[in-house]
Amino acid sequence: MIKKLIQHGNSSALIIDKPIMELLQIDYDTPLELSTDGANIIISPVKDKERLSKLKKSLEKINKKHAHTLHKLAK
């Protein structure tokens, strides 16, 4: 998909189409982080790092406690 910037006051804006917003599970209130690798603009939804950390710890606990069962189910 090719997009062009539009003028928004003294700035430029990029319109993100609704299907892309739905795919990324973002809405108008979602904070977005802009970064660059020097050649590209990278736009990412801001992740709740505390929530992701809690999820990771929970998954590690479950995997440790149920490793044998999960291994059997994977077969």
PDB file of N, CA and C in Angstrom:
ATOM      1  N   MET A   1       0.847  -1.162   0.000  1.00  0.00           N
ATOM      2  CA  MET A   1       0.000   0.000   0.000  1.00  0.00           C
ATOM      3  C   MET A   1       0.900   1.236   0.000  1.00  0.00           C
ATOM      4  N   ILE A   2       0.638   2.124  -0.897  1.00  0.00           N
ATOM      5  CA  ILE A   2       1.404   3.361  -0.992  1.00  0.00           C
ATOM      6  C   ILE A   2       0.528   4.489  -0.479  1.00  0.00           C
ATOM      7  N   LYS A   3       1.077   5.296   0.400  1.00  0.00           N
ATOM      8  CA  LYS A   3       0.353   6.413   0.998  1.00  0.00           C
ATOM      9  C   LYS A   3       1.157   7.693   0.789  1.00  0.00           C
ATOM     10  N   LYS A   4       0.484   8.817   0.850  1.00  0.00           N
ATOM     11  CA  LYS A   4       1.131  10.121   0.803  1.00  0.00           C
ATOM     12  C   LYS A   4       0.792  10.874   2.076  1.00  0.00           C
ATOM     13  N   LEU A   5       1.710  11.718   2.505  1.00  0.00           N
ATOM     14  CA  LEU A   5       1.448  12.574   3.644  1.00  0.00           C
ATOM     15  C   LEU A   5       0.483  13.669   3.222  1.00  0.00           C
ATOM     16  N   ILE A   6      -0.346  14.095   4.151  1.00  0.00           N
ATOM     17  CA  ILE A   6      -1.227  15.224   3.888  1.00  0.00           C
ATOM     18  C   ILE A   6      -0.832  16.357   4.831  1.00  0.00           C
ATOM     19  N   GLN A   7      -1.135  17.588   4.435  1.00  0.00           N
ATOM     20  CA  GLN A   7      -0.810  18.719   5.279  1.00  0.00           C
ATOM     21  C   GLN A   7      -1.856  18.840   6.374  1.00  0.00           C
ATOM     22  N   HIS A   8      -1.373  19.050   7.588  1.00  0.00           N
ATOM     23  CA  HIS A   8      -2.239  19.210   8.754  1.00  0.00           C
ATOM     24  C   HIS A   8      -1.691  20.397   9.537  1.00  0.00           C
ATOM     25  N   GLY A   9      -2.207  21.588   9.248  1.00  0.00           N
ATOM     26  CA  GLY A   9      -1.648  22.802   9.852  1.00  0.00           C
ATOM     27  C   GLY A   9      -0.251  23.010   9.317  1.00  0.00           C
ATOM     28  N   ASN A  10       0.712  23.194  10.218  1.00  0.00           N
ATOM     29  CA  ASN A  10       2.117  23.343   9.827  1.00  0.00           C
ATOM     30  C   ASN A  10       2.855  22.012   9.829  1.00  0.00           C
ATOM     31  N   SER A  11       2.141  20.928  10.001  1.00  0.00           N
ATOM     32  CA  SER A  11       2.749  19.598  10.075  1.00  0.00           C
ATOM     33  C   SER A  11       2.247  18.734   8.927  1.00  0.00           C
ATOM     34  N   SER A  12       2.726  17.514   8.901  1.00  0.00           N
ATOM     35  CA  SER A  12       2.258  16.521   7.939  1.00  0.00           C
ATOM     36  C   SER A  12       1.609  15.384   8.701  1.00  0.00           C
ATOM     37  N   ALA A  13       0.645  14.718   8.073  1.00  0.00           N
ATOM     38  CA  ALA A  13      -0.066  13.616   8.713  1.00  0.00           C
ATOM     39  C   ALA A  13      -0.131  12.431   7.760  1.00  0.00           C
ATOM     40  N   LEU A  14      -0.180  11.256   8.335  1.00  0.00           N
ATOM     41  CA  LEU A  14      -0.337  10.023   7.571  1.00  0.00           C
ATOM     42  C   LEU A  14      -1.656   9.402   7.999  1.00  0.00           C
ATOM     43  N   ILE A  15      -2.524   9.112   7.055  1.00  0.00           N
ATOM     44  CA  ILE A  15      -3.811   8.500   7.360  1.00  0.00           C
ATOM     45  C   ILE A  15      -3.618   6.985   7.402  1.00  0.00           C
ATOM     46  N   ILE A  16      -4.042   6.377   8.515  1.00  0.00           N
ATOM     47  CA  ILE A  16      -3.973   4.919   8.658  1.00  0.00           C
ATOM     48  C   ILE A  16      -5.375   4.380   8.413  1.00  0.00           C
ATOM     49  N   ASP A  17      -5.517   3.528   7.430  1.00  0.00           N
ATOM     50  CA  ASP A  17      -6.818   2.985   7.063  1.00  0.00           C
ATOM     51  C   ASP A  17      -7.377   2.090   8.171  1.00  0.00           C
ATOM     52  N   LYS A  18      -8.698   2.077   8.277  1.00  0.00           N
ATOM     53  CA  LYS A  18      -9.386   1.330   9.329  1.00  0.00           C
ATOM     54  C   LYS A  18      -9.020  -0.161   9.346  1.00  0.00           C
ATOM     55  N   PRO A  19      -8.919  -0.849   8.198  1.00  0.00           N
ATOM     56  CA  PRO A  19      -8.543  -2.274   8.256  1.00  0.00           C
ATOM     57  C   PRO A  19      -7.171  -2.509   8.897  1.00  0.00           C
ATOM     58  N   ILE A  20      -6.248  -1.591   8.695  1.00  0.00           N
ATOM     59  CA  ILE A  20      -4.927  -1.731   9.320  1.00  0.00           C
ATOM     60  C   ILE A  20      -5.043  -1.499  10.819  1.00  0.00           C
ATOM     61  N   MET A  21      -5.838  -0.507  11.204  1.00  0.00           N
ATOM     62  CA  MET A  21      -6.043  -0.254  12.634  1.00  0.00           C
ATOM     63  C   MET A  21      -6.678  -1.463  13.307  1.00  0.00           C
ATOM     64  N   GLU A  22      -7.642  -2.076  12.643  1.00  0.00           N
ATOM     65  CA  GLU A  22      -8.294  -3.263  13.204  1.00  0.00           C
ATOM     66  C   GLU A  22      -7.311  -4.421  13.303  1.00  0.00           C
ATOM     67  N   LEU A  23      -6.488  -4.582  12.299  1.00  0.00           N
ATOM     68  CA  LEU A  23      -5.495  -5.652  12.310  1.00  0.00           C
ATOM     69  C   LEU A  23      -4.519  -5.495  13.474  1.00  0.00           C
ATOM     70  N   LEU A  24      -4.114  -4.267  13.739  1.00  0.00           N
ATOM     71  CA  LEU A  24      -3.165  -3.987  14.820  1.00  0.00           C
ATOM     72  C   LEU A  24      -3.845  -3.809  16.171  1.00  0.00           C
ATOM     73  N   GLN A  25      -5.170  -3.878  16.173  1.00  0.00           N
ATOM     74  CA  GLN A  25      -5.963  -3.695  17.386  1.00  0.00           C
ATOM     75  C   GLN A  25      -5.645  -2.363  18.055  1.00  0.00           C
ATOM     76  N   ILE A  26      -5.672  -1.301  17.238  1.00  0.00           N
ATOM     77  CA  ILE A  26      -5.462   0.040  17.755  1.00  0.00           C
ATOM     78  C   ILE A  26      -6.672   0.887  17.403  1.00  0.00           C
ATOM     79  N   ASP A  27      -6.839   1.978  18.144  1.00  0.00           N
ATOM     80  CA  ASP A  27      -7.889   2.933  17.823  1.00  0.00           C
ATOM     81  C   ASP A  27      -7.327   4.339  17.960  1.00  0.00           C
ATOM     82  N   TYR A  28      -8.204   5.326  17.932  1.00  0.00           N
ATOM     83  CA  TYR A  28      -7.751   6.715  17.949  1.00  0.00           C
ATOM     84  C   TYR A  28      -7.066   7.096  19.253  1.00  0.00           C
ATOM     85  N   ASP A  29      -7.314   6.344  20.327  1.00  0.00           N
ATOM     86  CA  ASP A  29      -6.732   6.647  21.628  1.00  0.00           C
ATOM     87  C   ASP A  29      -5.436   5.889  21.902  1.00  0.00           C
ATOM     88  N   THR A  30      -5.057   4.974  21.015  1.00  0.00           N
ATOM     89  CA  THR A  30      -3.861   4.166  21.223  1.00  0.00           C
ATOM     90  C   THR A  30      -2.617   5.016  21.014  1.00  0.00           C
ATOM     91  N   PRO A  31      -1.732   5.092  22.022  1.00  0.00           N
ATOM     92  CA  PRO A  31      -0.490   5.832  21.806  1.00  0.00           C
ATOM     93  C   PRO A  31       0.406   5.062  20.827  1.00  0.00           C
ATOM     94  N   LEU A  32       1.018   5.791  19.913  1.00  0.00           N
ATOM     95  CA  LEU A  32       1.896   5.189  18.916  1.00  0.00           C
ATOM     96  C   LEU A  32       3.314   5.710  19.097  1.00  0.00           C
ATOM     97  N   GLU A  33       4.271   4.824  18.938  1.00  0.00           N
ATOM     98  CA  GLU A  33       5.681   5.190  19.029  1.00  0.00           C
ATOM     99  C   GLU A  33       6.252   5.271  17.619  1.00  0.00           C
ATOM    100  N   LEU A  34       6.901   6.383  17.316  1.00  0.00           N
ATOM    101  CA  LEU A  34       7.571   6.543  16.032  1.00  0.00           C
ATOM    102  C   LEU A  34       9.064   6.388  16.248  1.00  0.00           C
ATOM    103  N   SER A  35       9.670   5.553  15.428  1.00  0.00           N
ATOM    104  CA  SER A  35      11.119   5.367  15.492  1.00  0.00           C
ATOM    105  C   SER A  35      11.627   5.206  14.065  1.00  0.00           C
ATOM    106  N   THR A  36      12.920   5.129  13.928  1.00  0.00           N
ATOM    107  CA  THR A  36      13.515   4.958  12.607  1.00  0.00           C
ATOM    108  C   THR A  36      14.747   4.078  12.706  1.00  0.00           C
ATOM    109  N   ASP A  37      15.028   3.389  11.621  1.00  0.00           N
ATOM    110  CA  ASP A  37      16.268   2.621  11.533  1.00  0.00           C
ATOM    111  C   ASP A  37      17.276   3.372  10.663  1.00  0.00           C
ATOM    112  N   GLY A  38      16.967   4.611  10.362  1.00  0.00           N
ATOM    113  CA  GLY A  38      17.840   5.424   9.526  1.00  0.00           C
ATOM    114  C   GLY A  38      17.372   5.512   8.091  1.00  0.00           C
ATOM    115  N   ALA A  39      16.539   4.565   7.664  1.00  0.00           N
ATOM    116  CA  ALA A  39      16.031   4.573   6.296  1.00  0.00           C
ATOM    117  C   ALA A  39      14.515   4.459   6.248  1.00  0.00           C
ATOM    118  N   ASN A  40      13.918   3.978   7.321  1.00  0.00           N
ATOM    119  CA  ASN A  40      12.475   3.730   7.368  1.00  0.00           C
ATOM    120  C   ASN A  40      11.866   4.350   8.613  1.00  0.00           C
ATOM    121  N   ILE A  41      10.602   4.720   8.511  1.00  0.00           N
ATOM    122  CA  ILE A  41       9.841   5.164   9.670  1.00  0.00           C
ATOM    123  C   ILE A  41       9.094   3.945  10.190  1.00  0.00           C
ATOM    124  N   ILE A  42       9.204   3.698  11.484  1.00  0.00           N
ATOM    125  CA  ILE A  42       8.543   2.552  12.105  1.00  0.00           C
ATOM    126  C   ILE A  42       7.511   3.103  13.093  1.00  0.00           C
ATOM    127  N   ILE A  43       6.257   2.737  12.892  1.00  0.00           N
ATOM    128  CA  ILE A  43       5.165   3.180  13.757  1.00  0.00           C
ATOM    129  C   ILE A  43       4.636   1.949  14.481  1.00  0.00           C
ATOM    130  N   SER A  44       4.709   1.973  15.813  1.00  0.00           N
ATOM    131  CA  SER A  44       4.310   0.811  16.600  1.00  0.00           C
ATOM    132  C   SER A  44       3.384   1.234  17.728  1.00  0.00           C
ATOM    133  N   PRO A  45       2.362   0.419  18.026  1.00  0.00           N
ATOM    134  CA  PRO A  45       1.555   0.709  19.203  1.00  0.00           C
ATOM    135  C   PRO A  45       2.428   0.592  20.447  1.00  0.00           C
ATOM    136  N   VAL A  46       2.233   1.488  21.390  1.00  0.00           N
ATOM    137  CA  VAL A  46       2.990   1.422  22.643  1.00  0.00           C
ATOM    138  C   VAL A  46       2.444   0.255  23.444  1.00  0.00           C
ATOM    139  N   LYS A  47       3.334  -0.613  23.847  1.00  0.00           N
ATOM    140  CA  LYS A  47       2.948  -1.786  24.626  1.00  0.00           C
ATOM    141  C   LYS A  47       3.064  -1.462  26.110  1.00  0.00           C
ATOM    142  N   ASP A  48       2.153  -1.991  26.888  1.00  0.00           N
ATOM    143  CA  ASP A  48       2.198  -1.838  28.333  1.00  0.00           C
ATOM    144  C   ASP A  48       3.251  -2.804  28.863  1.00  0.00           C
ATOM    145  N   LYS A  49       4.449  -2.284  29.123  1.00  0.00           N
ATOM    146  CA  LYS A  49       5.574  -3.140  29.501  1.00  0.00           C
ATOM    147  C   LYS A  49       5.321  -3.884  30.808  1.00  0.00           C
ATOM    148  N   GLU A  50       4.648  -3.239  31.754  1.00  0.00           N
ATOM    149  CA  GLU A  50       4.358  -3.904  33.024  1.00  0.00           C
ATOM    150  C   GLU A  50       3.419  -5.089  32.807  1.00  0.00           C
ATOM    151  N   ARG A  51       2.410  -4.882  31.973  1.00  0.00           N
ATOM    152  CA  ARG A  51       1.457  -5.966  31.689  1.00  0.00           C
ATOM    153  C   ARG A  51       2.150  -7.123  30.960  1.00  0.00           C
ATOM    154  N   LEU A  52       3.004  -6.797  29.981  1.00  0.00           N
ATOM    155  CA  LEU A  52       3.727  -7.847  29.261  1.00  0.00           C
ATOM    156  C   LEU A  52       4.665  -8.605  30.188  1.00  0.00           C
ATOM    157  N   SER A  53       5.277  -7.903  31.135  1.00  0.00           N
ATOM    158  CA  SER A  53       6.165  -8.556  32.097  1.00  0.00           C
ATOM    159  C   SER A  53       5.385  -9.533  32.975  1.00  0.00           C
ATOM    160  N   LYS A  54       4.205  -9.116  33.441  1.00  0.00           N
ATOM    161  CA  LYS A  54       3.366 -10.004  34.253  1.00  0.00           C
ATOM    162  C   LYS A  54       2.936 -11.228  33.458  1.00  0.00           C
ATOM    163  N   LEU A  55       2.579 -11.019  32.188  1.00  0.00           N
ATOM    164  CA  LEU A  55       2.174 -12.133  31.337  1.00  0.00           C
ATOM    165  C   LEU A  55       3.329 -13.110  31.155  1.00  0.00           C
ATOM    166  N   LYS A  56       4.512 -12.588  30.902  1.00  0.00           N
ATOM    167  CA  LYS A  56       5.686 -13.444  30.706  1.00  0.00           C
ATOM    168  C   LYS A  56       5.968 -14.274  31.958  1.00  0.00           C
ATOM    169  N   LYS A  57       5.886 -13.646  33.133  1.00  0.00           N
ATOM    170  CA  LYS A  57       6.126 -14.372  34.387  1.00  0.00           C
ATOM    171  C   LYS A  57       5.071 -15.464  34.595  1.00  0.00           C
ATOM    172  N   SER A  58       3.827 -15.150  34.271  1.00  0.00           N
ATOM    173  CA  SER A  58       2.753 -16.143  34.404  1.00  0.00           C
ATOM    174  C   SER A  58       2.982 -17.326  33.474  1.00  0.00           C
ATOM    175  N   LEU A  59       3.364 -17.035  32.231  1.00  0.00           N
ATOM    176  CA  LEU A  59       3.635 -18.115  31.275  1.00  0.00           C
ATOM    177  C   LEU A  59       4.801 -18.980  31.717  1.00  0.00           C
ATOM    178  N   GLU A  60       5.841 -18.354  32.247  1.00  0.00           N
ATOM    179  CA  GLU A  60       6.984 -19.124  32.738  1.00  0.00           C
ATOM    180  C   GLU A  60       6.565 -20.035  33.885  1.00  0.00           C
ATOM    181  N   LYS A  61       5.736 -19.530  34.776  1.00  0.00           N
ATOM    182  CA  LYS A  61       5.253 -20.320  35.912  1.00  0.00           C
ATOM    183  C   LYS A  61       4.415 -21.507  35.431  1.00  0.00           C
ATOM    184  N   ILE A  62       3.527 -21.263  34.496  1.00  0.00           N
ATOM    185  CA  ILE A  62       2.684 -22.335  33.950  1.00  0.00           C
ATOM    186  C   ILE A  62       3.538 -23.367  33.227  1.00  0.00           C
ATOM    187  N   ASN A  63       4.470 -22.891  32.408  1.00  0.00           N
ATOM    188  CA  ASN A  63       5.337 -23.824  31.673  1.00  0.00           C
ATOM    189  C   ASN A  63       6.169 -24.674  32.619  1.00  0.00           C
ATOM    190  N   LYS A  64       6.657 -24.067  33.689  1.00  0.00           N
ATOM    191  CA  LYS A  64       7.463 -24.824  34.655  1.00  0.00           C
ATOM    192  C   LYS A  64       6.609 -25.870  35.377  1.00  0.00           C
ATOM    193  N   LYS A  65       5.420 -25.456  35.809  1.00  0.00           N
ATOM    194  CA  LYS A  65       4.553 -26.340  36.581  1.00  0.00           C
ATOM    195  C   LYS A  65       3.974 -27.470  35.729  1.00  0.00           C
ATOM    196  N   HIS A  66       3.677 -27.181  34.452  1.00  0.00           N
ATOM    197  CA  HIS A  66       2.985 -28.145  33.603  1.00  0.00           C
ATOM    198  C   HIS A  66       3.820 -28.577  32.391  1.00  0.00           C
ATOM    199  N   ALA A  67       5.129 -28.471  32.495  1.00  0.00           N
ATOM    200  CA  ALA A  67       6.009 -28.791  31.361  1.00  0.00           C
ATOM    201  C   ALA A  67       5.777 -30.202  30.844  1.00  0.00           C
ATOM    202  N   HIS A  68       5.688 -31.165  31.742  1.00  0.00           N
ATOM    203  CA  HIS A  68       5.522 -32.565  31.333  1.00  0.00           C
ATOM    204  C   HIS A  68       4.205 -32.737  30.558  1.00  0.00           C
ATOM    205  N   THR A  69       3.122 -32.204  31.092  1.00  0.00           N
ATOM    206  CA  THR A  69       1.813 -32.315  30.432  1.00  0.00           C
ATOM    207  C   THR A  69       1.813 -31.608  29.083  1.00  0.00           C
ATOM    208  N   LEU A  70       2.372 -30.405  29.043  1.00  0.00           N
ATOM    209  CA  LEU A  70       2.422 -29.661  27.793  1.00  0.00           C
ATOM    210  C   LEU A  70       3.260 -30.380  26.742  1.00  0.00           C
ATOM    211  N   HIS A  71       4.329 -31.011  27.195  1.00  0.00           N
ATOM    212  CA  HIS A  71       5.185 -31.778  26.273  1.00  0.00           C
ATOM    213  C   HIS A  71       4.406 -32.958  25.683  1.00  0.00           C
ATOM    214  N   LYS A  72       3.639 -33.652  26.527  1.00  0.00           N
ATOM    215  CA  LYS A  72       2.837 -34.784  26.070  1.00  0.00           C
ATOM    216  C   LYS A  72       1.759 -34.321  25.073  1.00  0.00           C
ATOM    217  N   LEU A  73       1.138 -33.181  25.366  1.00  0.00           N
ATOM    218  CA  LEU A  73       0.103 -32.651  24.473  1.00  0.00           C
ATOM    219  C   LEU A  73       0.687 -32.245  23.113  1.00  0.00           C
ATOM    220  N   ALA A  74       1.926 -31.829  23.113  1.00  0.00           N
ATOM    221  CA  ALA A  74       2.561 -31.384  21.856  1.00  0.00           C
ATOM    222  C   ALA A  74       2.847 -32.543  20.911  1.00  0.00           C
ATOM    223  N   LYS A  75       2.885 -33.748  21.440  1.00  0.00           N
ATOM    224  CA  LYS A  75       3.205 -34.928  20.596  1.00  0.00           C
ATOM    225  C   LYS A  75       2.075 -35.301  19.703  1.00  0.00           C
TER     226      LYS A  75
END
